[in-house]
């Protein structure tokens, strides 16, 4: 065990733990909706076809917000196709994923599901093939009590009260040439500003998200944010960031350090947004909605969409099977999001069920079982126990070399502190591929504390994967090495591991 030290003090506050950090994403992609959250033939399905076992797992996961209906899907979506009697709804080609969308589930069904799952909706509008008119029509449908064409249609369709959706995404990944209706930064900035302005004429207090770069690797990154925000600054509240990570060519060390990329991504977007603020003499600050993030093996076969004349409904797409190392990275990415809580005001793990997801299901006609991926566990524990304020920590750690990020610290960590209860929680990852760490936590600034829980997620084989047959062999385990003496905690952290240590007043 190599020594590593973290110093935590209640005076060094980054900002509040934001519940919206623990959001997720439901897109009409693969089996996320159909045979995922919605499967009328399942034994636990309610009268509207939503699986209760999935809802129960979502609540255990701790998801707070859900972005919907896309994703790439939204840029070719006519929301009006999916309202009214289901038997009258047209099927449409989904160009994004080369599939057929039956429109069985639409905005009304989704909003009913949000209520059942106890999550806040985050609605995306189509600025790819559509624009300002569509934006204000769906807003009228969702948020106006009645007395207009669209609001009365909602009432006719069974929702007497308005949904009052607060958060809206102004399109999706419009910088990407793969996006239906792809636009230049100037083109997108203009239509986003006009859509936002019109939407605020309906509801002035909406929270609106402009499209940022779809990855830090885009050639237009930085300049895209500058151009879009120059056009939209006074009309929007947040700008999106999207990032996916994967182990490539056996480079486990770089993969485990993926949060280095996320940290730099966030810092660069913040710098660009603040530069636009200064140049335009604006007073408010634009913050970040990191509304797509996860581990995704996009280069592998499960992510390849159908081709030719094959336009199936809900094909199995992007169904990555995650291992222990993937879960450690997910836990570390949450650490990155938390330590930037001053500027990252919302985030969405993409996605929620079946599609690069922590929750997996079998269709009802294939057994109907449900199981948890390895990535479920660090997300659920962080969402459950991160409360109060995020604290800036000082880390003294051994380092190692990586191909992608150069020299990185083996240890990464963040802490939260609930001043009302006195609870302190430290989340830590050992990013070394082969070296354990002897952790020392200096918590003397909090007074007398006791360890109430210490768990570690790791395995001798970091490539172990959960499955429908076995999702319990590798679970977070009690870390019996964690002890506290005179305000200092010591604990052993194995290589390739994620840990949580919770403390309370003694």
Protein backbone atom coordinates (compact mmCIF):
# COMPACT_ATOMS: atom_id res chain seq x y z
CA UNK A 1 0.00 0.00 0.00
CA UNK A 2 1.36 3.41 -1.01
CA UNK A 3 0.39 6.32 1.25
CA UNK A 4 -2.18 8.85 0.05
CA UNK A 5 -3.69 11.70 2.03
CA UNK A 6 -6.85 13.77 1.72
CA UNK A 7 -7.43 16.86 3.86
CA UNK A 8 -11.03 18.00 4.28
CA UNK A 9 -12.24 21.10 6.09
CA UNK A 10 -15.81 22.45 6.42
CA UNK A 11 -14.64 25.98 5.51
CA UNK A 12 -13.76 25.10 1.91
CA UNK A 13 -17.21 24.97 0.29
CA UNK A 14 -17.58 24.58 -3.48
CA UNK A 15 -21.38 24.85 -3.48
CA UNK A 16 -24.52 22.88 -2.63
CA UNK A 17 -25.07 19.26 -3.56
CA UNK A 18 -27.60 19.69 -6.36
CA UNK A 19 -30.27 16.98 -6.64
CA UNK A 20 -30.29 17.49 -10.42
CA UNK A 21 -26.72 16.15 -10.55
CA UNK A 22 -28.32 12.72 -10.29
CA UNK A 23 -30.45 12.95 -13.40
CA UNK A 24 -30.74 10.42 -16.20
CA UNK A 25 -32.00 10.15 -19.77
CA UNK A 26 -34.77 8.29 -21.58
CA UNK A 27 -34.59 8.40 -25.37
CA UNK A 28 -36.65 6.61 -27.98
CA UNK A 29 -33.59 4.53 -28.81
CA UNK A 30 -33.34 0.76 -28.87
CA UNK A 31 -35.15 -0.83 -25.92
CA UNK A 32 -35.00 2.11 -23.53
CA UNK A 33 -38.72 2.91 -23.85
CA UNK A 34 -40.31 -0.15 -25.46
CA UNK A 35 -39.60 -3.32 -23.40
CA UNK A 36 -37.59 -1.05 -21.07
CA UNK A 37 -39.75 1.30 -19.04
CA UNK A 38 -42.87 0.34 -21.06
CA UNK A 39 -43.88 -3.30 -21.57
CA UNK A 40 -47.66 -3.84 -21.29
CA UNK A 41 -47.36 -7.63 -21.22
CA UNK A 42 -45.09 -7.69 -18.19
CA UNK A 43 -46.37 -9.10 -14.92
CA UNK A 44 -45.66 -5.85 -13.07
CA UNK A 45 -47.01 -3.50 -15.76
CA UNK A 46 -49.72 -1.05 -14.72
CA UNK A 47 -52.80 -0.17 -16.77
CA UNK A 48 -50.73 2.17 -18.96
CA UNK A 49 -48.03 -0.44 -19.64
CA UNK A 50 -45.23 0.83 -17.40
CA UNK A 51 -43.17 -1.76 -15.53
CA UNK A 52 -43.33 -1.33 -11.76
CA UNK A 53 -40.15 -3.37 -11.23
CA UNK A 54 -38.28 -0.83 -13.37
CA UNK A 55 -39.80 2.09 -11.46
CA UNK A 56 -38.72 0.47 -8.18
CA UNK A 57 -35.16 0.07 -9.48
CA UNK A 58 -35.11 3.70 -10.66
CA UNK A 59 -36.13 4.87 -7.20
CA UNK A 60 -33.39 2.73 -5.67
CA UNK A 61 -30.91 4.24 -8.14
CA UNK A 62 -31.87 7.69 -6.86
CA UNK A 63 -32.62 9.37 -10.18
CA UNK A 64 -34.05 12.87 -9.79
CA UNK A 65 -34.58 14.21 -13.32
CA UNK A 66 -35.07 12.52 -16.68
CA UNK A 67 -34.26 14.09 -20.03
CA UNK A 68 -36.70 13.12 -22.83
CA UNK A 69 -37.32 12.20 -25.72
CA UNK A 70 -33.76 12.56 -27.02
CA UNK A 71 -31.00 12.63 -27.92
CA UNK A 72 -30.48 12.30 -31.65
CA UNK A 73 -34.06 11.02 -31.89
CA UNK A 74 -35.57 14.42 -31.10
CA UNK A 75 -34.19 16.09 -34.22
CA UNK A 76 -36.61 14.19 -36.42
CA UNK A 77 -39.49 13.93 -33.95
CA UNK A 78 -43.02 15.27 -34.38
CA UNK A 79 -44.38 15.30 -30.85
CA UNK A 80 -47.95 15.66 -32.12
CA UNK A 81 -47.73 12.13 -33.60
CA UNK A 82 -47.68 10.69 -30.08
CA UNK A 83 -50.76 12.29 -28.48
CA UNK A 84 -54.41 11.30 -28.58
CA UNK A 85 -55.81 7.78 -29.06
CA UNK A 86 -52.95 5.32 -29.46
CA UNK A 87 -54.71 3.49 -32.28
CA UNK A 88 -54.75 6.70 -34.33
CA UNK A 89 -51.05 7.49 -33.97
CA UNK A 90 -48.88 7.11 -37.06
CA UNK A 91 -45.70 5.08 -37.15
CA UNK A 92 -42.67 7.05 -38.39
CA UNK A 93 -39.15 6.35 -39.54
CA UNK A 94 -36.56 7.27 -36.95
CA UNK A 95 -33.60 8.43 -39.02
CA UNK A 96 -31.30 8.77 -36.03
CA UNK A 97 -31.27 5.06 -35.17
CA UNK A 98 -32.66 3.53 -38.40
CA UNK A 99 -35.72 2.23 -36.58
CA UNK A 100 -39.50 2.55 -36.67
CA UNK A 101 -41.14 4.66 -33.97
CA UNK A 102 -44.70 3.44 -33.25
CA UNK A 103 -45.49 6.51 -31.09
CA UNK A 104 -47.18 4.33 -28.48
CA UNK A 105 -45.49 6.39 -25.78
CA UNK A 106 -45.55 10.17 -26.07
CA UNK A 107 -45.54 13.24 -23.88
CA UNK A 108 -48.70 12.35 -21.93
CA UNK A 109 -47.55 8.83 -21.15
CA UNK A 110 -44.08 10.09 -20.25
CA UNK A 111 -45.45 12.69 -17.86
CA UNK A 112 -47.66 10.08 -16.17
CA UNK A 113 -44.58 7.86 -15.83
CA UNK A 114 -42.56 10.75 -14.31
CA UNK A 115 -45.20 11.07 -11.61
CA UNK A 116 -45.08 7.34 -10.89
CA UNK A 117 -41.27 7.31 -10.83
CA UNK A 118 -41.10 10.55 -8.81
CA UNK A 119 -38.72 12.28 -11.22
CA UNK A 120 -38.65 15.77 -12.70
CA UNK A 121 -39.03 15.94 -16.50
CA UNK A 122 -36.44 17.67 -18.68
CA UNK A 123 -38.04 18.06 -22.11
CA UNK A 124 -36.12 18.47 -25.36
CA UNK A 125 -37.55 20.21 -28.42
CA UNK A 126 -36.81 19.61 -32.08
CA UNK A 127 -34.64 22.35 -33.57
CA UNK A 128 -33.29 20.04 -36.26
CA UNK A 129 -36.18 19.56 -38.68
CA UNK A 130 -38.51 21.99 -36.90
CA UNK A 131 -38.23 25.24 -34.96
CA UNK A 132 -39.92 28.09 -33.11
CA UNK A 133 -43.52 27.13 -33.89
CA UNK A 134 -43.05 23.57 -32.63
CA UNK A 135 -41.37 24.86 -29.49
CA UNK A 136 -44.23 27.12 -28.46
CA UNK A 137 -46.88 24.58 -29.48
CA UNK A 138 -45.51 21.83 -27.23
CA UNK A 139 -44.98 24.37 -24.44
CA UNK A 140 -48.62 25.45 -24.78
CA UNK A 141 -49.72 21.81 -24.73
CA UNK A 142 -47.71 21.06 -21.59
CA UNK A 143 -47.89 24.22 -19.50
CA UNK A 144 -51.03 26.28 -20.27
CA UNK A 145 -54.05 25.41 -18.06
CA UNK A 146 -56.64 25.60 -20.87
CA UNK A 147 -58.56 27.79 -23.24
CA UNK A 148 -56.27 27.36 -26.26
CA UNK A 149 -56.10 24.77 -29.02
CA UNK A 150 -53.15 22.80 -27.67
CA UNK A 151 -53.95 23.07 -23.98
CA UNK A 152 -57.52 21.95 -24.63
CA UNK A 153 -56.21 18.99 -26.63
CA UNK A 154 -54.17 17.96 -23.60
CA UNK A 155 -57.28 18.14 -21.44
CA UNK A 156 -59.23 16.12 -24.02
CA UNK A 157 -56.42 13.57 -23.95
CA UNK A 158 -56.92 13.08 -20.23
CA UNK A 159 -54.57 15.54 -18.49
CA UNK A 160 -56.81 18.21 -16.97
CA UNK A 161 -54.00 20.01 -15.14
CA UNK A 162 -50.95 21.48 -16.93
CA UNK A 163 -47.63 19.72 -16.50
CA UNK A 164 -45.70 22.92 -15.71
CA UNK A 165 -42.44 21.55 -17.12
CA UNK A 166 -39.61 23.79 -15.98
CA UNK A 167 -36.49 22.56 -17.82
CA UNK A 168 -36.28 22.54 -21.63
CA UNK A 169 -33.41 21.62 -23.94
CA UNK A 170 -33.21 23.71 -27.11
CA UNK A 171 -32.42 20.84 -29.45
CA UNK A 172 -29.68 18.23 -29.20
CA UNK A 173 -26.06 18.07 -30.40
CA UNK A 174 -26.66 20.47 -33.25
CA UNK A 175 -22.89 20.74 -33.79
CA UNK A 176 -22.76 17.11 -34.96
CA UNK A 177 -22.86 16.30 -38.69
CA UNK A 178 -24.69 13.08 -37.74
CA UNK A 179 -27.59 15.14 -36.41
CA UNK A 180 -30.68 15.44 -38.59
CA UNK A 181 -30.89 19.16 -39.35
CA UNK A 182 -27.26 19.78 -38.32
CA UNK A 183 -26.45 23.49 -38.21
CA UNK A 184 -23.48 25.78 -38.00
CA UNK A 185 -22.98 27.61 -34.72
CA UNK A 186 -24.38 30.79 -36.26
CA UNK A 187 -27.46 29.01 -37.62
CA UNK A 188 -28.13 27.18 -34.39
CA UNK A 189 -27.47 30.20 -32.17
CA UNK A 190 -30.02 32.21 -34.09
CA UNK A 191 -32.84 29.62 -34.01
CA UNK A 192 -32.13 28.76 -30.38
CA UNK A 193 -32.33 32.41 -29.39
CA UNK A 194 -35.61 32.88 -31.26
CA UNK A 195 -37.14 29.71 -29.81
CA UNK A 196 -36.05 30.71 -26.31
CA UNK A 197 -37.42 34.22 -26.70
CA UNK A 198 -40.80 32.90 -27.87
CA UNK A 199 -40.95 30.30 -25.10
CA UNK A 200 -40.26 32.96 -22.48
CA UNK A 201 -43.18 34.96 -23.83
CA UNK A 202 -45.32 32.01 -22.75
CA UNK A 203 -43.47 31.18 -19.48
CA UNK A 204 -40.84 33.75 -18.46
CA UNK A 205 -39.39 31.61 -15.66
CA UNK A 206 -38.42 28.54 -17.73
CA UNK A 207 -34.93 27.09 -17.37
CA UNK A 208 -33.54 26.76 -20.89
CA UNK A 209 -30.51 24.76 -22.04
CA UNK A 210 -28.60 25.70 -25.19
CA UNK A 211 -26.69 23.01 -27.09
CA UNK A 212 -22.99 23.03 -26.36
CA UNK A 213 -20.42 20.82 -28.04
CA UNK A 214 -21.31 17.15 -28.26
CA UNK A 215 -17.77 16.32 -27.13
CA UNK A 216 -14.52 18.06 -26.25
CA UNK A 217 -12.96 16.34 -29.27
CA UNK A 218 -15.11 18.22 -31.81
CA UNK A 219 -13.09 20.45 -34.14
CA UNK A 220 -15.50 23.28 -33.38
CA UNK A 221 -15.25 22.91 -29.59
CA UNK A 222 -14.86 26.22 -27.82
CA UNK A 223 -15.67 28.34 -30.83
CA UNK A 224 -19.11 26.69 -30.95
CA UNK A 225 -19.84 27.66 -27.33
CA UNK A 226 -18.58 31.20 -27.91
CA UNK A 227 -20.72 31.74 -30.99
CA UNK A 228 -23.87 30.13 -29.58
CA UNK A 229 -23.68 31.98 -26.28
CA UNK A 230 -22.94 35.29 -27.96
CA UNK A 231 -26.31 34.91 -29.69
CA UNK A 232 -28.30 33.35 -26.83
CA UNK A 233 -26.71 34.60 -23.61
CA UNK A 234 -29.65 36.58 -22.23
CA UNK A 235 -32.20 33.97 -23.31
CA UNK A 236 -30.74 30.79 -21.78
CA UNK A 237 -29.64 29.59 -18.36
CA UNK A 238 -27.40 26.64 -19.11
CA UNK A 239 -25.28 25.21 -21.89
CA UNK A 240 -25.03 21.47 -22.39
CA UNK A 241 -21.95 19.26 -22.31
CA UNK A 242 -21.82 15.65 -23.51
CA UNK A 243 -19.02 13.13 -22.92
CA UNK A 244 -18.65 9.37 -23.22
CA UNK A 245 -15.67 7.27 -22.21
CA UNK A 246 -14.41 3.78 -23.02
CA UNK A 247 -11.32 1.67 -22.54
CA UNK A 248 -9.52 1.59 -25.88
CA UNK A 249 -6.78 -0.82 -27.00
CA UNK A 250 -6.30 -2.24 -23.51
CA UNK A 251 -5.27 1.13 -22.08
CA UNK A 252 -6.87 0.65 -18.67
CA UNK A 253 -4.73 3.33 -16.98
CA UNK A 254 -5.99 6.10 -19.27
CA UNK A 255 -9.56 4.85 -19.01
CA UNK A 256 -9.49 4.93 -15.21
CA UNK A 257 -8.35 8.57 -15.46
CA UNK A 258 -11.30 9.61 -17.65
CA UNK A 259 -12.34 12.23 -15.10
CA UNK A 260 -9.25 14.19 -16.15
CA UNK A 261 -11.00 14.77 -19.47
CA UNK A 262 -14.30 15.66 -17.80
CA UNK A 263 -12.55 18.14 -15.49
CA UNK A 264 -10.88 19.87 -18.42
CA UNK A 265 -14.10 19.86 -20.45
CA UNK A 266 -16.00 21.59 -17.64
CA UNK A 267 -13.22 24.09 -16.99
CA UNK A 268 -12.99 24.99 -20.68
CA UNK A 269 -16.75 25.49 -21.09
CA UNK A 270 -16.84 27.64 -17.94
CA UNK A 271 -13.95 29.75 -19.24
CA UNK A 272 -15.65 30.26 -22.60
CA UNK A 273 -19.01 31.13 -21.03
CA UNK A 274 -17.38 33.62 -18.69
CA UNK A 275 -15.46 35.19 -21.57
CA UNK A 276 -18.74 35.76 -23.42
CA UNK A 277 -20.18 37.20 -20.20
CA UNK A 278 -17.33 39.68 -19.95
CA UNK A 279 -17.37 40.60 -23.65
CA UNK A 280 -21.12 41.25 -23.57
CA UNK A 281 -21.09 43.00 -20.21
CA UNK A 282 -23.70 40.52 -18.92
CA UNK A 283 -24.47 40.20 -15.23
CA UNK A 284 -25.75 36.62 -14.90
CA UNK A 285 -23.60 33.54 -15.27
CA UNK A 286 -24.30 30.67 -17.66
CA UNK A 287 -23.87 27.29 -16.00
CA UNK A 288 -23.58 23.76 -17.36
CA UNK A 289 -26.08 20.99 -17.91
CA UNK A 290 -23.91 17.89 -18.37
CA UNK A 291 -26.94 16.13 -19.78
CA UNK A 292 -25.20 13.18 -21.43
CA UNK A 293 -22.37 11.31 -19.75
CA UNK A 294 -21.44 7.68 -19.27
CA UNK A 295 -19.16 4.87 -20.33
CA UNK A 296 -20.09 3.85 -23.88
CA UNK A 297 -18.30 1.41 -26.18
CA UNK A 298 -19.62 3.12 -29.29
CA UNK A 299 -17.09 1.38 -31.56
CA UNK A 300 -18.39 -2.10 -30.74
CA UNK A 301 -21.05 -4.07 -32.64
CA UNK A 302 -23.97 -3.57 -30.16
CA UNK A 303 -23.96 0.13 -31.07
CA UNK A 304 -24.31 -0.45 -34.83
CA UNK A 305 -27.85 0.48 -35.98
CA UNK A 306 -29.80 -1.57 -38.57
CA UNK A 307 -29.28 -0.81 -42.26
CA UNK A 308 -31.07 -1.05 -45.60
CA UNK A 309 -34.74 -1.99 -45.55
CA UNK A 310 -34.59 -3.15 -41.93
CA UNK A 311 -36.45 -0.55 -39.83
CA UNK A 312 -37.38 -2.53 -36.69
CA UNK A 313 -39.31 -1.31 -33.65
CA UNK A 314 -37.15 -1.18 -30.52
CA UNK A 315 -34.14 -3.19 -31.71
CA UNK A 316 -31.47 -4.11 -29.16
CA UNK A 317 -29.04 -1.21 -29.55
CA UNK A 318 -26.19 0.15 -27.41
CA UNK A 319 -26.67 -2.62 -24.85
CA UNK A 320 -23.18 -2.47 -23.36
CA UNK A 321 -22.45 -4.98 -20.60
CA UNK A 322 -20.38 -3.16 -17.99
CA UNK A 323 -17.51 -4.46 -15.89
CA UNK A 324 -16.08 -3.43 -12.52
CA UNK A 325 -13.60 -0.98 -14.07
CA UNK A 326 -16.48 0.71 -15.90
CA UNK A 327 -18.27 1.17 -12.56
CA UNK A 328 -15.15 2.68 -10.98
CA UNK A 329 -15.00 5.20 -13.84
CA UNK A 330 -18.69 6.06 -13.43
CA UNK A 331 -18.09 6.65 -9.73
CA UNK A 332 -15.10 8.86 -10.54
CA UNK A 333 -17.08 10.88 -13.10
CA UNK A 334 -19.64 11.58 -10.38
CA UNK A 335 -16.78 12.85 -8.23
CA UNK A 336 -15.87 15.24 -11.06
CA UNK A 337 -19.45 16.47 -11.42
CA UNK A 338 -19.75 17.05 -7.68
CA UNK A 339 -16.52 19.01 -7.37
CA UNK A 340 -17.79 21.34 -10.10
CA UNK A 341 -21.16 21.83 -8.43
CA UNK A 342 -20.62 25.60 -8.45
CA UNK A 343 -21.04 25.56 -12.25
CA UNK A 344 -22.53 22.16 -13.14
CA UNK A 345 -26.15 22.65 -12.12
CA UNK A 346 -27.64 19.54 -13.77
CA UNK A 347 -26.42 16.25 -15.22
CA UNK A 348 -27.96 13.22 -16.91
CA UNK A 349 -26.49 9.73 -16.92
CA UNK A 350 -27.20 8.46 -20.43
CA UNK A 351 -29.21 6.34 -20.42
CA UNK A 352 -31.53 4.82 -17.82
CA UNK A 353 -32.72 1.40 -19.02
CA UNK A 354 -31.17 -1.11 -21.46
CA UNK A 355 -29.34 1.47 -23.60
CA UNK A 356 -25.84 1.99 -22.08
CA UNK A 357 -27.75 1.75 -18.84
CA UNK A 358 -27.40 0.78 -15.18
CA UNK A 359 -30.72 -1.11 -15.33
CA UNK A 360 -31.37 -3.97 -17.75
CA UNK A 361 -34.58 -5.80 -18.56
CA UNK A 362 -35.79 -8.78 -20.48
CA UNK A 363 -38.96 -8.29 -22.56
CA UNK A 364 -42.05 -9.84 -21.04
CA UNK A 365 -42.18 -12.52 -23.74
CA UNK A 366 -38.56 -13.53 -23.04
CA UNK A 367 -38.82 -14.01 -19.30
CA UNK A 368 -39.28 -10.45 -18.10
CA UNK A 369 -36.38 -10.44 -15.63
CA UNK A 370 -34.63 -7.28 -14.44
CA UNK A 371 -31.01 -6.93 -13.33
CA UNK A 372 -28.46 -4.32 -12.27
CA UNK A 373 -25.25 -3.52 -14.07
CA UNK A 374 -22.02 -2.84 -12.15
CA UNK A 375 -22.46 0.90 -12.79
CA UNK A 376 -25.69 0.93 -10.79
CA UNK A 377 -23.92 0.75 -7.45
CA UNK A 378 -21.63 3.83 -7.28
CA UNK A 379 -24.40 5.99 -8.74
CA UNK A 380 -27.01 4.76 -6.26
CA UNK A 381 -24.75 5.18 -3.23
CA UNK A 382 -23.58 8.65 -4.28
CA UNK A 383 -27.13 9.82 -5.01
CA UNK A 384 -28.32 8.47 -1.66
CA UNK A 385 -25.60 9.88 0.57
CA UNK A 386 -24.23 13.08 -1.01
CA UNK A 387 -26.03 15.79 0.99
CA UNK A 388 -25.51 19.37 2.06
CA UNK A 389 -22.44 21.11 0.66
CA UNK A 390 -19.66 19.87 -1.61
CA UNK A 391 -16.24 20.53 -0.09
CA UNK A 392 -13.00 21.21 -1.92
CA UNK A 393 -10.41 18.66 -0.78
CA UNK A 394 -6.60 18.67 -0.87
CA UNK A 395 -5.13 15.45 -2.25
CA UNK A 396 -1.55 14.25 -1.76
CA UNK A 397 -1.23 11.09 -3.80
CA UNK A 398 1.24 8.90 -5.65
CA UNK A 399 1.17 9.46 -9.41
CA UNK A 400 1.51 7.30 -12.48
CA UNK A 401 1.80 7.82 -16.23
CA UNK A 402 -1.05 7.46 -18.72
CA UNK A 403 -0.96 7.54 -22.50
CA UNK A 404 -3.84 9.99 -22.83
CA UNK A 405 -3.45 12.32 -19.85
CA UNK A 406 0.21 12.19 -18.91
CA UNK A 407 0.96 12.13 -15.18
CA UNK A 408 -2.14 11.66 -13.02
CA UNK A 409 -2.77 11.09 -9.32
CA UNK A 410 -3.71 7.56 -8.36
CA UNK A 411 -6.23 8.91 -5.85
CA UNK A 412 -9.21 11.08 -6.71
CA UNK A 413 -11.77 12.19 -4.14
CA UNK A 414 -14.48 14.63 -3.13
CA UNK A 415 -16.37 15.19 0.13
CA UNK A 416 -19.81 16.41 1.15
CA UNK A 417 -20.87 17.90 4.48
CA UNK A 418 -24.38 18.28 5.88
CA UNK A 419 -24.08 21.04 8.50
CA UNK A 420 -27.51 20.24 9.97
CA UNK A 421 -26.75 16.60 10.75
CA UNK A 422 -22.97 16.83 10.95
CA UNK A 423 -22.60 13.99 8.45
CA UNK A 424 -19.43 13.90 6.36
CA UNK A 425 -19.15 11.64 3.31
CA UNK A 426 -15.96 11.06 1.32
CA UNK A 427 -16.09 9.46 -2.12
CA UNK A 428 -12.75 8.19 -3.43
CA UNK A 429 -11.33 6.19 -6.33
CA UNK A 430 -8.01 4.42 -6.62
CA UNK A 431 -7.19 4.81 -10.30
CA UNK A 432 -4.04 2.69 -10.19
CA UNK A 433 -4.23 -0.51 -12.19
CA UNK A 434 -2.04 -2.51 -9.80
CA UNK A 435 -1.19 -0.60 -6.62
CA UNK A 436 -3.24 -0.37 -3.44
CA UNK A 437 -3.36 2.88 -1.49
CA UNK A 438 -3.21 3.43 2.24
CA UNK A 439 -5.64 6.33 2.61
CA UNK A 440 -5.35 8.91 5.37
CA UNK A 441 -8.26 11.33 5.77
CA UNK A 442 -7.59 14.42 7.85
CA UNK A 443 -11.00 15.44 9.22
CA UNK A 444 -9.90 17.25 12.37
CA UNK A 445 -11.77 20.41 11.36
CA UNK A 446 -15.12 18.69 11.98
CA UNK A 447 -14.65 17.84 15.64
CA UNK A 448 -15.39 14.38 17.02
CA UNK A 449 -16.57 11.96 14.34
CA UNK A 450 -17.22 8.26 14.06
CA UNK A 451 -17.23 5.99 11.03
CA UNK A 452 -20.79 4.81 10.39
CA UNK A 453 -20.20 3.09 7.05
CA UNK A 454 -17.30 2.33 4.75
CA UNK A 455 -17.81 0.39 1.52
CA UNK A 456 -15.57 -0.40 -1.43
CA UNK A 457 -16.48 -1.61 -4.89
CA UNK A 458 -13.71 -3.64 -6.51
CA UNK A 459 -12.81 -7.15 -7.60
CA UNK A 460 -9.65 -9.13 -8.22
CA UNK A 461 -10.81 -9.25 -11.83
CA UNK A 462 -11.68 -5.67 -12.88
CA UNK A 463 -13.29 -7.08 -16.02
CA UNK A 464 -15.97 -9.06 -14.17
CA UNK A 465 -19.41 -8.29 -15.59
CA UNK A 466 -22.87 -8.65 -14.12
CA UNK A 467 -25.51 -10.53 -16.09
CA UNK A 468 -29.16 -11.51 -15.95
CA UNK A 469 -28.00 -14.76 -14.35
CA UNK A 470 -25.65 -13.14 -11.81
CA UNK A 471 -25.71 -9.50 -10.77
CA UNK A 472 -24.87 -10.06 -7.08
CA UNK A 473 -21.50 -11.85 -6.92
CA UNK A 474 -19.66 -8.50 -6.97
CA UNK A 475 -21.33 -5.82 -4.86
CA UNK A 476 -20.03 -2.96 -2.71
CA UNK A 477 -18.48 -4.62 0.34
CA UNK A 478 -17.82 -3.38 3.85
CA UNK A 479 -14.31 -1.96 4.09
CA UNK A 480 -13.34 -3.14 7.57
CA UNK A 481 -9.97 -1.36 7.37
CA UNK A 482 -11.61 2.06 7.83
CA UNK A 483 -11.00 3.38 11.36
CA UNK A 484 -10.79 6.83 12.93
CA UNK A 485 -8.44 8.12 15.63
CA UNK A 486 -8.22 11.75 16.76
CA UNK A 487 -10.03 13.01 13.67
CA UNK A 488 -7.96 11.02 11.17
CA UNK A 489 -9.43 8.14 9.19
CA UNK A 490 -7.24 5.42 7.74
CA UNK A 491 -8.43 2.90 5.17
CA UNK A 492 -7.01 0.59 2.53
CA UNK A 493 -8.12 1.18 -1.05
CA UNK A 494 -7.38 -1.65 -3.49
CA UNK A 495 -6.35 -0.96 -7.07
CA UNK A 496 -9.19 -0.19 -9.50
CA UNK A 497 -11.69 0.63 -6.79
CA UNK A 498 -14.40 3.10 -5.78
CA UNK A 499 -15.08 3.73 -2.10
CA UNK A 500 -17.47 5.67 0.13
CA UNK A 501 -16.72 6.48 3.77
CA UNK A 502 -19.56 8.01 5.84
CA UNK A 503 -19.01 9.67 9.18
CA UNK A 504 -21.28 11.22 11.80
CA UNK A 505 -20.85 13.18 15.00
CA UNK A 506 -19.45 10.98 17.74
